[in-house]
Amino acid sequence: MVTGAAKVTWVDRVNGFARRVPTWVLYVLYLMPVPYLLYLAQTGGLGREPIKALEHELGEIALQLLIIGLTITPLRRFLGLNFLKFRRMFGLLAFTYVALHLLVWLVLDVGILSQIWADIIKRPYITIGMGAFVLLIPLAITSNNWSVRKLGPGWRKLHRLSYVAVLLGGVHYVMLTKTWALEPMLYLAVILGLLALRLPKARQSKTA
């Protein structure tokens, strides 16, 4: 049985380690898959449809990063683990991977402007994916200290769009497979669970 004192010591150690880790290290680590995936795409390491596989890998990493960003508040609230210093980094990395995912689709997969607009309009999963990307744009632009000071309390309200963006990303993944595949359903379930953890806090703030 873990005692309260042991639990506090464990949390303090993790938080202390997190404080010592510079964010640039995680930026480097999380961007390393990009050149590796490009190398695999060029050398046949991504299978018979390397462009589709590259799209999928970049999009999945983006969704994972958005989910990691969602876990930071519950980890602090329920376990006392403080990773707030990394939340902005995970958001910017997620936006980078979403942009690369979109770029591969635009340039390497479709490549025809008229077809791009036709797909966005006619294919619901693409429409939803584009919606998620559009919502992430103002969040990426304002992910800096100047914007925090300039927008004041509005900054926090604006960045709640990340909840909608990650939910749309999960729905986009489910619809993309065109079947009830297990993996995208698990992603969506995790997203819904993490969003549900925020509901009691939202209700308390309204009644206070």
Protein backbone atom coordinates (compact mmCIF):
# COMPACT_ATOMS: atom_id res chain seq x y z
CA MET A 1 0.00 0.00 0.00
CA VAL A 2 1.39 3.42 -0.96
CA THR A 3 1.33 5.95 1.86
CA GLY A 4 0.44 9.61 1.39
CA ALA A 5 4.01 10.66 2.12
CA ALA A 6 5.40 8.26 -0.50
CA LYS A 7 2.92 9.52 -3.05
CA VAL A 8 3.89 13.13 -2.40
CA THR A 9 7.57 12.26 -2.75
CA TRP A 10 6.91 10.50 -6.07
CA VAL A 11 4.93 13.46 -7.41
CA ASP A 12 7.57 15.91 -6.24
CA ARG A 13 10.30 13.94 -7.96
CA VAL A 14 8.41 13.83 -11.25
CA ASN A 15 7.60 17.54 -11.04
CA GLY A 16 11.21 18.34 -10.19
CA PHE A 17 12.44 16.38 -13.19
CA ALA A 18 9.89 18.11 -15.44
CA ARG A 19 11.11 21.52 -14.27
CA ARG A 20 14.67 20.63 -15.26
CA VAL A 21 13.80 19.39 -18.78
CA PRO A 22 14.07 22.26 -21.32
CA THR A 23 11.22 22.43 -23.82
CA TRP A 24 13.60 22.58 -26.80
CA VAL A 25 14.67 19.00 -26.07
CA LEU A 26 11.11 17.77 -26.54
CA TYR A 27 10.71 19.90 -29.66
CA VAL A 28 13.73 18.11 -31.16
CA LEU A 29 12.56 14.65 -30.07
CA TYR A 30 9.03 15.07 -31.39
CA LEU A 31 10.17 16.51 -34.72
CA MET A 32 12.60 13.65 -35.35
CA PRO A 33 9.89 11.41 -36.88
CA VAL A 34 9.42 13.89 -39.76
CA PRO A 35 12.73 13.28 -41.59
CA TYR A 36 12.53 9.58 -40.72
CA LEU A 37 9.05 9.25 -42.25
CA LEU A 38 10.17 11.15 -45.34
CA TYR A 39 13.11 8.78 -45.65
CA LEU A 40 10.81 5.75 -45.37
CA ALA A 41 8.47 7.22 -47.97
CA GLN A 42 11.37 7.65 -50.40
CA THR A 43 12.85 4.18 -49.82
CA GLY A 44 9.68 2.08 -49.85
CA GLY A 45 9.51 1.68 -46.08
CA LEU A 46 5.89 2.87 -45.93
CA GLY A 47 4.45 0.16 -48.13
CA ARG A 48 2.78 0.21 -51.54
CA GLU A 49 1.06 3.57 -51.00
CA PRO A 50 3.72 5.72 -49.33
CA ILE A 51 1.86 9.02 -49.74
CA LYS A 52 -1.28 7.68 -48.04
CA ALA A 53 0.85 6.11 -45.33
CA LEU A 54 2.77 9.35 -44.80
CA GLU A 55 -0.50 11.27 -44.51
CA HIS A 56 -1.77 8.76 -41.97
CA GLU A 57 1.37 8.76 -39.84
CA LEU A 58 1.59 12.57 -39.68
CA GLY A 59 -2.10 12.89 -38.87
CA GLU A 60 -1.95 10.25 -36.17
CA ILE A 61 1.04 11.90 -34.48
CA ALA A 62 -0.83 15.22 -34.58
CA LEU A 63 -3.85 13.63 -32.88
CA GLN A 64 -1.63 12.01 -30.26
CA LEU A 65 -0.04 15.37 -29.46
CA LEU A 66 -3.45 17.02 -29.11
CA ILE A 67 -4.50 14.24 -26.73
CA ILE A 68 -1.30 14.67 -24.70
CA GLY A 69 -2.15 18.35 -24.40
CA LEU A 70 -5.60 17.39 -23.07
CA THR A 71 -4.10 15.17 -20.37
CA ILE A 72 -2.02 17.94 -18.77
CA THR A 73 -4.86 19.54 -16.82
CA PRO A 74 -6.34 16.25 -15.48
CA LEU A 75 -2.86 15.05 -14.47
CA ARG A 76 -2.37 18.21 -12.46
CA ARG A 77 -5.89 18.20 -11.04
CA PHE A 78 -6.10 14.56 -9.98
CA LEU A 79 -2.47 13.52 -9.43
CA GLY A 80 -0.66 16.80 -8.79
CA LEU A 81 1.67 16.31 -11.75
CA ASN A 82 2.60 19.70 -13.18
CA PHE A 83 3.47 19.65 -16.89
CA LEU A 84 1.96 23.04 -17.68
CA LYS A 85 5.26 24.34 -19.07
CA PHE A 86 4.94 21.82 -21.92
CA ARG A 87 1.31 22.48 -22.90
CA ARG A 88 2.11 25.26 -25.37
CA MET A 89 4.86 23.14 -26.89
CA PHE A 90 2.52 20.19 -27.46
CA GLY A 91 -0.03 22.51 -29.06
CA LEU A 92 2.51 23.98 -31.47
CA LEU A 93 3.88 20.55 -32.32
CA ALA A 94 0.36 19.28 -32.97
CA PHE A 95 -0.31 22.23 -35.29
CA THR A 96 2.97 21.53 -37.11
CA TYR A 97 2.03 17.90 -37.71
CA VAL A 98 -1.51 18.82 -38.79
CA ALA A 99 -0.05 21.34 -41.26
CA LEU A 100 2.36 18.71 -42.62
CA HIS A 101 -0.49 16.19 -42.85
CA LEU A 102 -2.51 18.73 -44.83
CA LEU A 103 0.47 19.69 -46.99
CA VAL A 104 1.11 16.09 -48.01
CA TRP A 105 -2.56 15.71 -48.94
CA LEU A 106 -2.64 18.99 -50.87
CA VAL A 107 0.63 18.65 -52.77
CA LEU A 108 1.48 14.97 -53.03
CA ASP A 109 -1.90 13.27 -52.88
CA VAL A 110 -4.35 15.54 -54.73
CA GLY A 111 -2.27 18.29 -56.33
CA ILE A 112 -5.13 19.76 -58.39
CA LEU A 113 -6.70 22.91 -56.94
CA SER A 114 -10.19 22.26 -58.28
CA GLN A 115 -10.13 18.72 -56.92
CA ILE A 116 -8.98 19.96 -53.51
CA TRP A 117 -12.00 22.24 -53.12
CA ALA A 118 -14.31 19.55 -54.47
CA ASP A 119 -13.03 17.06 -51.88
CA ILE A 120 -13.37 19.56 -49.03
CA ILE A 121 -16.97 20.26 -49.95
CA LYS A 122 -18.12 16.76 -50.93
CA ARG A 123 -16.28 14.54 -48.44
CA PRO A 124 -17.50 15.10 -44.85
CA TYR A 125 -14.40 13.65 -43.19
CA ILE A 126 -12.22 16.11 -45.12
CA THR A 127 -14.58 18.97 -44.25
CA ILE A 128 -14.31 18.06 -40.56
CA GLY A 129 -10.53 17.72 -40.77
CA MET A 130 -10.23 21.13 -42.40
CA GLY A 131 -12.46 22.55 -39.69
CA ALA A 132 -10.09 21.25 -37.03
CA PHE A 133 -7.12 22.78 -38.86
CA VAL A 134 -8.82 26.18 -39.18
CA LEU A 135 -9.58 26.20 -35.45
CA LEU A 136 -5.93 25.47 -34.66
CA ILE A 137 -4.63 28.42 -36.70
CA PRO A 138 -5.56 31.20 -34.21
CA LEU A 139 -4.34 29.02 -31.35
CA ALA A 140 -0.92 28.58 -32.97
CA ILE A 141 -0.68 32.30 -33.79
CA THR A 142 -1.47 33.32 -30.21
CA SER A 143 0.73 30.72 -28.51
CA ASN A 144 3.20 33.31 -27.23
CA ASN A 145 3.62 35.48 -24.16
CA TRP A 146 2.76 38.70 -26.03
CA SER A 147 -0.65 37.33 -27.01
CA VAL A 148 -1.31 36.15 -23.45
CA ARG A 149 -0.69 39.70 -22.15
CA LYS A 150 -2.56 41.38 -25.00
CA LEU A 151 -5.70 39.22 -24.92
CA GLY A 152 -5.91 38.91 -21.14
CA PRO A 153 -8.79 36.66 -19.98
CA GLY A 154 -9.87 36.31 -23.62
CA TRP A 155 -6.75 34.26 -24.33
CA ARG A 156 -7.97 31.40 -22.17
CA LYS A 157 -11.42 31.52 -23.77
CA LEU A 158 -9.90 31.50 -27.25
CA HIS A 159 -7.76 28.47 -26.48
CA ARG A 160 -10.79 26.46 -25.44
CA LEU A 161 -11.20 26.00 -29.18
CA SER A 162 -8.58 23.29 -28.76
CA TYR A 163 -11.29 21.09 -27.22
CA VAL A 164 -13.40 21.40 -30.35
CA ALA A 165 -10.37 20.91 -32.59
CA VAL A 166 -9.25 17.67 -30.94
CA LEU A 167 -12.82 16.33 -30.98
CA LEU A 168 -13.11 17.11 -34.69
CA GLY A 169 -9.74 15.43 -35.19
CA GLY A 170 -11.00 12.27 -33.50
CA VAL A 171 -14.19 12.26 -35.59
CA HIS A 172 -12.12 12.88 -38.73
CA TYR A 173 -10.01 9.80 -37.95
CA VAL A 174 -13.06 7.60 -37.36
CA MET A 175 -14.75 8.74 -40.57
CA LEU A 176 -11.53 8.42 -42.55
CA THR A 177 -11.44 4.64 -42.08
CA LYS A 178 -15.06 4.32 -43.33
CA THR A 179 -15.45 1.37 -40.94
CA TRP A 180 -15.84 1.00 -37.20
CA ALA A 181 -12.15 0.21 -36.82
CA LEU A 182 -10.92 -0.30 -33.26
CA GLU A 183 -7.94 2.08 -33.23
CA PRO A 184 -9.73 5.30 -34.28
CA MET A 185 -12.64 4.43 -31.98
CA LEU A 186 -10.19 4.12 -29.07
CA TYR A 187 -8.72 7.52 -29.92
CA LEU A 188 -12.19 9.06 -29.94
CA ALA A 189 -13.12 7.35 -26.67
CA VAL A 190 -10.00 8.72 -24.98
CA ILE A 191 -10.76 12.22 -26.28
CA LEU A 192 -14.36 12.06 -25.04
CA GLY A 193 -13.17 10.78 -21.67
CA LEU A 194 -10.64 13.58 -21.24
CA LEU A 195 -13.21 16.18 -22.25
CA ALA A 196 -15.73 14.68 -19.82
CA LEU A 197 -13.25 15.17 -16.97
CA ARG A 198 -13.61 18.91 -17.50
CA LEU A 199 -17.41 18.95 -17.12
CA PRO A 200 -17.62 18.92 -13.30
CA LYS A 201 -15.17 21.83 -13.10
CA ALA A 202 -17.18 23.78 -15.70
CA ARG A 203 -20.40 23.22 -13.75
CA GLN A 204 -18.79 24.35 -10.49
CA SER A 205 -17.54 27.56 -12.10
CA LYS A 206 -21.06 28.33 -13.37
CA THR A 207 -22.72 27.78 -10.01
CA ALA A 208 -20.07 29.67 -8.05
